[in-house]
Amino acid sequence: MNAITEAPLLPRADGATLTEQLARRFADRIGQRLLPPGARLPSVRACAQRHRVSASTVVGAYDLLQAQGLVEARPQRGFFVRDAVAAAPRSLTSHPGLLPTMPVLPAPVDATALIRSMFQAQGGRLAPGMGTLPEDWLDAGLLQRALRRVSSPAAAAGWLRYGDPAGDASLRNALVLRLADLGIRAGAAQIVTTVGATHALDIIGRTLLRPGDAVLVDEPGWAVEFARLTRAGMRLLPVPRGADGPDLAVMEALLREHRPRLYVTVSVLHNPTGCSLSPAAAHQVLRLAEAHDLTIVEDDTYAWLAPPHATRLAQLDGLRRTVYVSGFSKILTPQWRIGYLAAPQALAERCIDTKLLGTLSTPGPLEQALASCLEQGSLRRHAERVVARLDAARARTERLVRDAGFHFVTPPQGLFGWIDVGADTERLAQALLDEGWLTAPGALFHATPRPTSLMRVNFATAQDARFWRRLRALADAT
């Protein structure tokens, strides 16, 4: 038996048999969407070895999961998580201990399944693949002070009615100055606030696209955006993303053949590669957009972690063919869902109409508090502290990566590193999960998930040398 690939022993709890304990572990993982629809369960032999149980125990557990409708058997291939499970089946009532701990929801694209769990370390798991900054890097006091500043009786009286459909005026005026710092000229009438950057992307898509339209996307890229566009009925056209930007030859060929309406891209600190668009590539992208009547949606989610002089398409284009999107959840707190878009004024008005149909307005008190953070300079000072801390964390993680014998595919920058571990990272992710490590395998970041040896790591949460030793051992044992 190979100790490297073993998982912690199954606990005997509540009188459950080993078969029921193993089935519960997989049911929980499916319920939490840590095993996405379409994922293959380990072979009977591999599962038995990993969990140190007999093959008959594994067969019994898989049979239970199949009876519950959570997995399906495919002849000569094994057991796979069912593609869509809307709710726990009735047969689970005979085994109440096997009920998933979270609701099971259908996923429009497999890659969204693990993304849901990466915004926080669930169940106390350590999370080298987390998508946000650690909680102890954020400043709760900053938020409390900002809320107190805007909670006077006079201000609170305004909270009893709907706010401005475009967003709070004080915040939009503060964002005019913020954009100017980035070299983007926009008036308050060109800015629309949203419930986070993802909401801004959704508003733009629903305003400009119709089902069946083709959309260019970076690959690798953000799986939630892939899923959102797919669910809306769009055709994804992946453009390979390199260190300097998109593959321009592929992009031009797709433009000529499919005439897409939109290109959704991350120019600065791209997720997952961490790369930023070079000035030369930016000019070429804008040239192609002009020639093919293409609108570019520039998602600048990690703007506060990037140098202000980084190349942005909206800066070069002057918001003619670009729509700029950003937000604050990555730098303030994931729960303050405040984002915004900046667009040509006529398009901004159309986006307000779309926003009204979805959310009517956005939360005025939070927007006023955020405006105060911008006006007082407290958010800028907080971001500077975070960036300094992130620089130090990145340097430590770089050493750990190289000491473990792995290498970066792209230069380490920003919050995320894109590394090659030399083994299928989706399989490694499941093995690591057994030991409490939550990771982000490369398959999550492809429009069509496929096996890959690449993995995204969060520099802020990947500084534990134990993780890199385990990853090295597991990769060697694969």
Protein backbone atom coordinates (compact mmCIF):
# COMPACT_ATOMS: atom_id res chain seq x y z
CA MET A 1 0.00 0.00 0.00
CA ASN A 2 1.40 3.40 -0.99
CA ALA A 3 1.24 5.70 2.02
CA ILE A 4 1.61 8.74 -0.20
CA THR A 5 -1.81 8.28 -1.74
CA GLU A 6 -3.71 7.35 1.44
CA ALA A 7 -6.49 9.53 2.81
CA PRO A 8 -7.31 9.93 6.52
CA LEU A 9 -9.09 6.93 7.98
CA LEU A 10 -12.86 6.98 7.74
CA PRO A 11 -14.37 7.74 11.15
CA ARG A 12 -16.92 5.39 12.65
CA ALA A 13 -19.70 7.71 13.75
CA ASP A 14 -23.35 7.26 14.68
CA GLY A 15 -23.09 3.52 14.21
CA ALA A 16 -22.63 3.90 10.44
CA THR A 17 -20.83 1.15 8.56
CA LEU A 18 -17.67 1.86 6.57
CA THR A 19 -19.77 1.57 3.40
CA GLU A 20 -22.15 4.26 4.63
CA GLN A 21 -19.27 6.45 5.85
CA LEU A 22 -17.58 6.30 2.44
CA ALA A 23 -20.85 6.97 0.60
CA ARG A 24 -21.50 9.92 2.91
CA ARG A 25 -18.08 11.38 2.14
CA PHE A 26 -18.76 11.28 -1.60
CA ALA A 27 -22.36 12.50 -1.14
CA ASP A 28 -21.13 15.48 0.86
CA ARG A 29 -18.53 16.27 -1.78
CA ILE A 30 -21.13 16.09 -4.56
CA GLY A 31 -23.55 18.18 -2.52
CA GLN A 32 -20.90 20.85 -1.97
CA ARG A 33 -20.06 20.69 -5.67
CA LEU A 34 -16.49 19.73 -4.93
CA LEU A 35 -17.11 16.82 -7.29
CA PRO A 36 -18.71 18.48 -10.32
CA PRO A 37 -21.28 16.90 -12.65
CA GLY A 38 -19.51 14.59 -15.07
CA ALA A 39 -16.55 13.96 -12.74
CA ARG A 40 -15.33 10.39 -12.58
CA LEU A 41 -15.08 8.71 -9.20
CA PRO A 42 -11.82 6.89 -8.44
CA SER A 43 -11.63 3.28 -9.58
CA VAL A 44 -12.69 0.71 -7.01
CA ARG A 45 -9.09 -0.37 -6.50
CA ALA A 46 -7.73 3.18 -6.19
CA CYS A 47 -10.52 4.21 -3.83
CA ALA A 48 -10.00 1.16 -1.63
CA GLN A 49 -6.27 1.85 -1.41
CA ARG A 50 -6.74 5.55 -0.69
CA HIS A 51 -9.30 5.06 2.09
CA ARG A 52 -7.78 1.82 3.41
CA VAL A 53 -10.94 -0.21 3.05
CA SER A 54 -11.83 -3.35 1.12
CA ALA A 55 -12.93 -3.34 -2.51
CA SER A 56 -16.34 -4.65 -1.44
CA THR A 57 -16.79 -1.61 0.81
CA VAL A 58 -16.14 0.69 -2.15
CA VAL A 59 -18.50 -1.27 -4.40
CA GLY A 60 -21.19 -1.03 -1.74
CA ALA A 61 -20.66 2.72 -1.33
CA TYR A 62 -20.83 3.31 -5.07
CA ASP A 63 -23.99 1.21 -5.27
CA LEU A 64 -25.56 3.39 -2.54
CA LEU A 65 -24.65 6.56 -4.42
CA GLN A 66 -26.07 5.14 -7.63
CA ALA A 67 -29.31 4.15 -5.90
CA GLN A 68 -29.61 7.71 -4.59
CA GLY A 69 -29.28 9.14 -8.09
CA LEU A 70 -26.02 10.94 -7.30
CA VAL A 71 -23.82 8.93 -9.68
CA GLU A 72 -24.26 6.73 -12.72
CA ALA A 73 -22.32 3.68 -13.88
CA ARG A 74 -20.93 3.71 -17.42
CA PRO A 75 -19.98 0.30 -18.80
CA GLN A 76 -16.22 -0.24 -19.06
CA ARG A 77 -15.57 3.30 -17.79
CA GLY A 78 -16.59 3.51 -14.13
CA PHE A 79 -18.84 5.71 -12.01
CA PHE A 80 -19.54 9.37 -12.83
CA VAL A 81 -21.37 12.17 -11.02
CA ARG A 82 -24.70 12.70 -12.71
CA ASP A 83 -24.90 15.69 -15.03
CA ALA A 84 -27.84 17.34 -13.27
CA VAL A 85 -29.25 16.64 -9.82
CA ALA A 86 -31.96 19.14 -8.94
CA ALA A 87 -32.59 17.81 -5.46
CA ALA A 88 -31.76 14.93 -3.14
CA PRO A 89 -33.77 11.88 -4.28
CA ARG A 90 -36.42 10.30 -2.09
CA SER A 91 -34.40 7.12 -1.64
CA LEU A 92 -32.03 9.07 0.60
CA THR A 93 -34.65 9.06 3.34
CA SER A 94 -33.68 5.49 4.18
CA HIS A 95 -30.12 6.69 4.79
CA PRO A 96 -30.55 10.15 6.39
CA GLY A 97 -26.89 10.31 7.26
CA LEU A 98 -26.04 10.40 3.57
CA LEU A 99 -27.91 13.61 2.84
CA PRO A 100 -25.53 16.16 1.25
CA THR A 101 -24.63 18.99 3.63
CA MET A 102 -25.38 21.63 0.96
CA PRO A 103 -28.07 21.77 -1.74
CA VAL A 104 -27.20 20.11 -5.01
CA LEU A 105 -27.63 22.50 -7.93
CA PRO A 106 -27.24 21.86 -11.64
CA ALA A 107 -24.16 23.44 -13.21
CA PRO A 108 -24.35 24.98 -16.68
CA VAL A 109 -20.66 24.29 -17.23
CA ASP A 110 -18.63 21.73 -15.29
CA ALA A 111 -15.97 24.31 -14.46
CA THR A 112 -18.35 26.25 -12.19
CA ALA A 113 -18.70 23.36 -9.77
CA LEU A 114 -15.55 23.86 -7.72
CA ILE A 115 -15.50 27.63 -8.16
CA ARG A 116 -18.40 28.01 -5.73
CA SER A 117 -16.30 26.53 -2.93
CA MET A 118 -13.17 28.57 -3.57
CA PHE A 119 -14.37 31.93 -2.27
CA GLN A 120 -13.83 30.64 1.23
CA ALA A 121 -12.18 27.67 2.90
CA GLN A 122 -15.24 25.56 3.69
CA GLY A 123 -15.28 23.39 6.75
CA GLY A 124 -11.97 24.80 7.93
CA ARG A 125 -10.10 23.59 4.86
CA LEU A 126 -6.80 25.15 3.94
CA ALA A 127 -7.19 26.81 0.59
CA PRO A 128 -4.14 27.37 -1.65
CA GLY A 129 -6.64 27.73 -4.52
CA MET A 130 -8.89 30.31 -2.87
CA GLY A 131 -10.11 33.14 -5.08
CA THR A 132 -9.96 35.95 -2.53
CA LEU A 133 -7.63 37.50 0.02
CA PRO A 134 -7.56 35.90 3.49
CA GLU A 135 -9.96 37.44 5.99
CA ASP A 136 -7.17 38.63 8.26
CA TRP A 137 -5.76 40.72 5.39
CA LEU A 138 -8.96 42.78 5.19
CA ASP A 139 -9.89 45.75 7.38
CA ALA A 140 -13.24 45.40 9.13
CA GLY A 141 -12.59 48.61 11.05
CA LEU A 142 -12.35 50.57 7.81
CA LEU A 143 -15.82 49.35 6.83
CA GLN A 144 -17.30 50.09 10.25
CA ARG A 145 -15.95 53.64 10.27
CA ALA A 146 -17.26 54.27 6.77
CA LEU A 147 -20.74 53.08 7.70
CA ARG A 148 -20.78 55.29 10.78
CA ARG A 149 -19.85 58.33 8.69
CA VAL A 150 -22.90 57.89 6.46
CA SER A 151 -25.36 56.89 9.19
CA SER A 152 -26.47 60.34 10.36
CA PRO A 153 -30.24 60.81 10.81
CA ALA A 154 -30.37 63.04 7.74
CA ALA A 155 -28.61 60.47 5.57
CA ALA A 156 -30.67 57.58 6.96
CA ALA A 157 -33.90 59.36 5.98
CA GLY A 158 -32.89 58.94 2.34
CA TRP A 159 -32.60 55.18 2.80
CA LEU A 160 -36.41 54.91 2.98
CA ARG A 161 -36.83 55.31 -0.78
CA TYR A 162 -35.30 53.85 -3.91
CA GLY A 163 -31.94 55.25 -4.88
CA ASP A 164 -30.82 56.64 -8.22
CA PRO A 165 -31.14 53.87 -10.86
CA ALA A 166 -27.63 54.70 -12.11
CA GLY A 167 -26.20 54.42 -8.60
CA ASP A 168 -25.44 56.79 -5.74
CA ALA A 169 -24.27 60.15 -7.08
CA SER A 170 -21.49 60.55 -4.51
CA LEU A 171 -20.03 57.17 -5.47
CA ARG A 172 -20.22 57.84 -9.20
CA ASN A 173 -18.47 61.18 -8.70
CA ALA A 174 -15.76 59.46 -6.65
CA LEU A 175 -15.38 56.87 -9.40
CA VAL A 176 -14.80 59.62 -11.95
CA LEU A 177 -11.66 60.55 -9.98
CA ARG A 178 -10.68 56.90 -9.52
CA LEU A 179 -10.86 56.28 -13.26
CA ALA A 180 -8.90 59.43 -13.95
CA ASP A 181 -6.10 58.04 -11.77
CA LEU A 182 -6.03 55.05 -14.15
CA GLY A 183 -5.96 57.31 -17.21
CA ILE A 184 -9.58 56.60 -18.12
CA ARG A 185 -11.68 59.70 -18.80
CA ALA A 186 -15.37 59.21 -17.96
CA GLY A 187 -18.12 61.42 -16.66
CA ALA A 188 -20.57 60.45 -13.94
CA ALA A 189 -23.27 59.95 -16.61
CA GLN A 190 -21.13 57.18 -18.15
CA ILE A 191 -20.92 55.20 -14.90
CA VAL A 192 -23.50 52.68 -13.64
CA THR A 193 -23.08 50.97 -10.28
CA THR A 194 -23.89 47.28 -9.91
CA VAL A 195 -24.11 44.49 -7.36
CA GLY A 196 -20.49 43.47 -7.90
CA ALA A 197 -18.40 43.19 -11.05
CA THR A 198 -20.09 39.93 -12.07
CA HIS A 199 -23.44 41.75 -12.09
CA ALA A 200 -21.90 44.42 -14.31
CA LEU A 201 -20.76 41.75 -16.77
CA ASP A 202 -24.24 40.24 -16.73
CA ILE A 203 -25.91 43.61 -17.39
CA ILE A 204 -23.62 44.25 -20.36
CA GLY A 205 -24.27 40.81 -21.79
CA ARG A 206 -28.05 41.09 -21.44
CA THR A 207 -27.96 44.55 -23.00
CA LEU A 208 -25.79 43.74 -26.03
CA LEU A 209 -26.27 40.03 -26.72
CA ARG A 210 -29.00 37.67 -27.80
CA PRO A 211 -29.04 33.87 -27.52
CA GLY A 212 -26.89 32.33 -30.23
CA ASP A 213 -24.47 35.26 -30.45
CA ALA A 214 -20.78 34.43 -30.48
CA VAL A 215 -18.52 35.84 -27.77
CA LEU A 216 -14.72 35.83 -27.63
CA VAL A 217 -13.26 34.83 -24.26
CA ASP A 218 -9.75 34.34 -22.94
CA GLU A 219 -8.61 30.75 -22.41
CA PRO A 220 -7.61 30.01 -19.76
CA GLY A 221 -10.12 32.31 -18.18
CA TRP A 222 -12.73 32.82 -15.50
CA ALA A 223 -15.06 29.83 -15.29
CA VAL A 224 -17.99 31.79 -13.83
CA GLU A 225 -18.01 33.98 -16.94
CA PHE A 226 -17.92 30.89 -19.17
CA ALA A 227 -20.87 29.44 -17.26
CA ARG A 228 -22.85 32.68 -17.28
CA LEU A 229 -22.50 33.18 -21.03
CA THR A 230 -23.25 29.52 -21.74
CA ARG A 231 -26.41 29.58 -19.65
CA ALA A 232 -27.53 32.70 -21.53
CA GLY A 233 -27.27 30.75 -24.78
CA MET A 234 -24.08 32.30 -26.17
CA ARG A 235 -21.46 30.52 -28.25
CA LEU A 236 -18.04 30.75 -26.62
CA LEU A 237 -15.03 31.33 -28.87
CA PRO A 238 -11.92 30.73 -26.75
CA VAL A 239 -8.81 32.77 -27.61
CA PRO A 240 -5.55 31.36 -26.21
CA ARG A 241 -4.10 33.74 -23.63
CA GLY A 242 -0.33 34.16 -23.33
CA ALA A 243 1.98 36.24 -21.19
CA ASP A 244 1.51 39.41 -23.31
CA GLY A 245 -2.16 38.97 -24.18
CA PRO A 246 -4.42 37.02 -26.55
CA ASP A 247 -3.16 35.05 -29.54
CA LEU A 248 -3.84 37.72 -32.16
CA ALA A 249 -3.74 35.33 -35.12
CA VAL A 250 -6.38 33.07 -33.57
CA MET A 251 -8.42 36.11 -32.57
CA GLU A 252 -8.41 37.52 -36.09
CA ALA A 253 -9.37 34.16 -37.61
CA LEU A 254 -12.32 33.83 -35.20
CA LEU A 255 -13.43 37.37 -35.97
CA ARG A 256 -13.45 36.69 -39.70
CA GLU A 257 -15.23 33.35 -39.46
CA HIS A 258 -17.78 33.92 -36.69
CA ARG A 259 -18.27 37.71 -36.46
CA PRO A 260 -18.64 37.76 -32.64
CA ARG A 261 -20.41 40.69 -31.01
CA LEU A 262 -18.30 40.89 -27.86
CA TYR A 263 -14.86 40.12 -26.45
CA VAL A 264 -14.72 39.67 -22.66
CA THR A 265 -11.17 39.96 -21.38
CA VAL A 266 -9.00 40.77 -18.37
CA SER A 267 -6.20 43.14 -19.35
CA VAL A 268 -4.49 43.51 -15.97
CA LEU A 269 -3.53 40.64 -13.61
CA HIS A 270 -5.42 38.10 -15.67
CA ASN A 271 -7.07 35.25 -13.79
CA PRO A 272 -5.57 32.61 -13.62
CA THR A 273 -2.22 33.44 -15.25
CA GLY A 274 -1.51 36.71 -13.42
CA CYS A 275 -0.30 38.32 -16.66
CA SER A 276 -1.06 41.80 -17.95
CA LEU A 277 -1.63 43.00 -21.49
CA SER A 278 1.40 44.55 -23.18
CA PRO A 279 0.98 47.96 -24.87
CA ALA A 280 1.76 46.48 -28.29
CA ALA A 281 -0.84 43.72 -27.88
CA ALA A 282 -3.39 46.25 -26.62
CA HIS A 283 -3.02 48.37 -29.75
CA GLN A 284 -3.44 45.30 -31.96
CA VAL A 285 -6.57 44.19 -30.09
CA LEU A 286 -8.11 47.62 -30.57
CA ARG A 287 -7.16 47.60 -34.23
CA LEU A 288 -8.98 44.28 -34.70
CA ALA A 289 -12.00 45.59 -32.76
CA GLU A 290 -12.23 48.59 -35.05
CA ALA A 291 -11.91 46.50 -38.20
CA HIS A 292 -14.54 43.96 -37.13
CA ASP A 293 -17.05 46.17 -35.27
CA LEU A 294 -16.29 44.41 -31.97
CA THR A 295 -17.18 45.67 -28.50
CA ILE A 296 -14.61 44.87 -25.81
CA VAL A 297 -15.63 44.30 -22.19
CA GLU A 298 -12.59 44.89 -20.00
CA ASP A 299 -12.91 43.21 -16.59
CA ASP A 300 -10.50 44.93 -14.19
CA THR A 301 -11.50 43.02 -11.06
CA TYR A 302 -8.00 43.09 -9.58
CA ALA A 303 -7.38 46.79 -10.26
CA TRP A 304 -6.52 47.62 -6.66
CA LEU A 305 -3.73 45.01 -6.64
CA ALA A 306 -2.15 46.32 -9.85
CA PRO A 307 0.10 49.29 -10.61
CA PRO A 308 -2.00 52.24 -11.83
CA HIS A 309 0.17 52.64 -14.95
CA ALA A 310 -0.70 49.13 -16.21
CA THR A 311 -2.01 49.09 -19.79
CA ARG A 312 -5.78 49.16 -19.99
CA LEU A 313 -7.78 49.04 -23.20
CA ALA A 314 -10.31 51.57 -21.93
CA GLN A 315 -7.50 54.06 -21.38
CA LEU A 316 -6.19 53.70 -24.93
CA ASP A 317 -9.63 53.55 -26.51
CA GLY A 318 -11.31 56.32 -24.53
CA LEU A 319 -14.41 54.17 -23.92
CA ARG A 320 -15.39 54.15 -27.58
CA ARG A 321 -15.40 50.42 -28.24
CA THR A 322 -14.62 49.37 -24.69
CA VAL A 323 -16.79 48.94 -21.63
CA TYR A 324 -14.79 49.04 -18.42
CA VAL A 325 -15.85 46.88 -15.43
CA SER A 326 -14.44 46.78 -11.94
CA GLY A 327 -15.46 46.22 -8.32
CA PHE A 328 -14.38 46.28 -4.70
CA SER A 329 -15.08 42.84 -3.24
CA LYS A 330 -11.52 41.62 -3.84
CA ILE A 331 -9.96 44.49 -1.88
CA LEU A 332 -12.65 45.30 0.73
CA THR A 333 -14.75 42.25 1.50
CA PRO A 334 -16.58 39.67 -0.64
CA GLN A 335 -19.86 40.62 1.08
CA TRP A 336 -19.84 44.24 -0.09
CA ARG A 337 -21.15 43.49 -3.55
CA ILE A 338 -20.43 46.82 -5.19
CA GLY A 339 -19.16 47.04 -8.75
CA TYR A 340 -19.57 49.36 -11.67
CA LEU A 341 -19.28 49.75 -15.39
CA ALA A 342 -18.12 52.72 -17.44
CA ALA A 343 -19.30 52.94 -21.04
CA PRO A 344 -20.21 55.37 -23.81
CA GLN A 345 -23.11 57.41 -22.45
CA ALA A 346 -25.73 56.00 -24.84
CA LEU A 347 -24.77 52.45 -23.84
CA ALA A 348 -24.71 53.41 -20.15
CA GLU A 349 -28.35 54.53 -20.47
CA ARG A 350 -29.28 51.18 -22.03
CA CYS A 351 -27.47 49.39 -19.22
CA ILE A 352 -29.49 51.37 -16.66
CA ASP A 353 -32.68 50.05 -18.30
CA THR A 354 -31.35 46.49 -18.01
CA LYS A 355 -30.33 47.08 -14.40
CA LEU A 356 -33.83 48.35 -13.56
CA LEU A 357 -35.37 45.12 -14.83
CA GLY A 358 -33.07 43.04 -12.65
CA THR A 359 -32.43 44.89 -9.39
CA LEU A 360 -34.33 48.21 -9.65
CA SER A 361 -31.46 49.95 -7.89
CA THR A 362 -28.35 49.18 -5.86
CA PRO A 363 -27.78 49.53 -2.08
CA GLY A 364 -27.40 53.25 -1.43
CA PRO A 365 -26.00 53.06 2.14
CA LEU A 366 -23.17 50.75 1.12
CA GLU A 367 -22.43 52.85 -1.96
CA GLN A 368 -22.29 56.00 0.17
CA ALA A 369 -19.94 54.29 2.62
CA LEU A 370 -17.71 53.20 -0.24
CA ALA A 371 -17.72 56.73 -1.64
CA SER A 372 -16.52 57.90 1.77
CA CYS A 373 -13.67 55.36 1.69
CA LEU A 374 -12.60 56.71 -1.70
CA GLU A 375 -12.95 60.38 -0.73
CA GLN A 376 -11.10 59.97 2.56
CA GLY A 377 -8.26 58.03 0.95
CA SER A 378 -8.72 55.15 3.40
CA LEU A 379 -9.30 52.61 0.65
CA ARG A 380 -6.15 53.70 -1.19
CA ARG A 381 -4.06 53.36 1.99
CA HIS A 382 -5.58 49.95 2.74
CA ALA A 383 -4.80 48.79 -0.81
CA GLU A 384 -1.19 49.93 -0.47
CA ARG A 385 -0.81 47.85 2.71
CA VAL A 386 -2.36 44.82 1.03
CA VAL A 387 -0.11 45.12 -2.03
CA ALA A 388 3.01 45.32 0.17
CA ARG A 389 1.90 42.23 2.08
CA LEU A 390 1.06 40.43 -1.15
CA ASP A 391 4.51 41.20 -2.60
CA ALA A 392 6.13 39.53 0.41
CA ALA A 393 3.77 36.54 0.23
CA ARG A 394 4.48 36.13 -3.48
CA ALA A 395 8.22 36.06 -2.87
CA ARG A 396 7.83 33.34 -0.21
CA THR A 397 5.50 31.28 -2.39
CA GLU A 398 7.88 31.55 -5.35
CA ARG A 399 10.61 29.98 -3.24
CA LEU A 400 8.32 27.17 -2.09
CA VAL A 401 7.22 26.43 -5.66
CA ARG A 402 10.77 26.20 -6.92
CA ASP A 403 12.01 24.23 -3.89
CA ALA A 404 9.25 21.69 -4.63
CA GLY A 405 10.54 21.32 -8.19
CA PHE A 406 7.60 22.99 -9.96
CA HIS A 407 7.76 25.94 -12.31
CA PHE A 408 5.67 28.95 -13.21
CA VAL A 409 4.20 28.96 -16.72
CA THR A 410 3.89 32.76 -16.63
CA PRO A 411 5.81 35.35 -14.57
CA PRO A 412 4.44 35.54 -11.00
CA GLN A 413 2.39 38.72 -10.57
CA GLY A 414 -0.62 39.88 -8.62
CA LEU A 415 -2.68 37.47 -6.52
CA PHE A 416 -2.41 34.29 -8.59
CA GLY A 417 0.36 32.03 -9.85
CA TRP A 418 -0.05 29.65 -12.80
CA ILE A 419 2.17 26.63 -12.26
CA ASP A 420 2.92 23.31 -13.93
CA VAL A 421 3.14 20.34 -11.55
CA GLY A 422 3.70 17.64 -14.18
CA ALA A 423 0.57 15.58 -13.32
CA ASP A 424 -3.19 15.77 -13.86
CA THR A 425 -4.18 18.47 -11.36
CA GLU A 426 -7.85 17.50 -11.28
CA ARG A 427 -6.91 14.08 -9.95
CA LEU A 428 -4.46 15.66 -7.53
CA ALA A 429 -7.17 18.06 -6.36
CA GLN A 430 -9.38 15.21 -5.20
CA ALA A 431 -6.50 13.52 -3.40
CA LEU A 432 -5.54 16.77 -1.69
CA LEU A 433 -9.16 17.41 -0.73
CA ASP A 434 -9.14 14.17 1.26
CA GLU A 435 -6.42 15.78 3.37
CA GLY A 436 -8.19 19.11 3.76
CA TRP A 437 -6.48 21.14 1.01
CA LEU A 438 -8.74 23.07 -1.38
CA THR A 439 -7.03 23.69 -4.72
CA ALA A 440 -7.82 25.11 -8.16
CA PRO A 441 -6.92 22.62 -10.93
CA GLY A 442 -6.32 24.03 -14.39
CA ALA A 443 -9.37 22.31 -15.90
CA LEU A 444 -11.54 24.87 -14.11
CA PHE A 445 -10.23 27.64 -16.32
CA HIS A 446 -10.96 26.16 -19.73
CA ALA A 447 -14.18 26.74 -21.63
CA THR A 448 -14.22 22.99 -22.30
CA PRO A 449 -12.61 21.31 -19.28
CA ARG A 450 -9.83 18.90 -20.14
CA PRO A 451 -6.99 17.20 -18.27
CA THR A 452 -4.06 19.50 -17.61
CA SER A 453 -0.96 19.60 -15.44
CA LEU A 454 -1.52 23.29 -14.65
CA MET A 455 -2.82 24.69 -11.38
CA ARG A 456 -3.72 28.16 -10.07
CA VAL A 457 -2.43 29.08 -6.63
CA ASN A 458 -3.25 32.07 -4.47
CA PHE A 459 0.01 33.64 -3.26
CA ALA A 460 -1.68 34.88 -0.08
CA THR A 461 -2.92 31.42 0.96
CA ALA A 462 -0.22 29.10 -0.46
CA GLN A 463 2.62 29.83 1.96
CA ASP A 464 2.41 26.59 3.93
CA ALA A 465 5.42 24.39 3.14
CA ARG A 466 3.39 21.29 4.11
CA PHE A 467 1.13 21.82 1.10
CA TRP A 468 4.02 21.92 -1.35
CA ARG A 469 5.56 18.78 0.17
CA ARG A 470 2.26 16.91 -0.20
CA LEU A 471 1.72 18.18 -3.72
CA ARG A 472 5.22 17.05 -4.68
CA ALA A 473 4.68 13.63 -3.13
CA LEU A 474 1.30 13.13 -4.79
CA ALA A 475 2.56 14.30 -8.19
CA ASP A 476 5.47 11.86 -7.94
CA ALA A 477 3.12 9.02 -7.01
CA THR A 478 0.75 9.64 -9.93
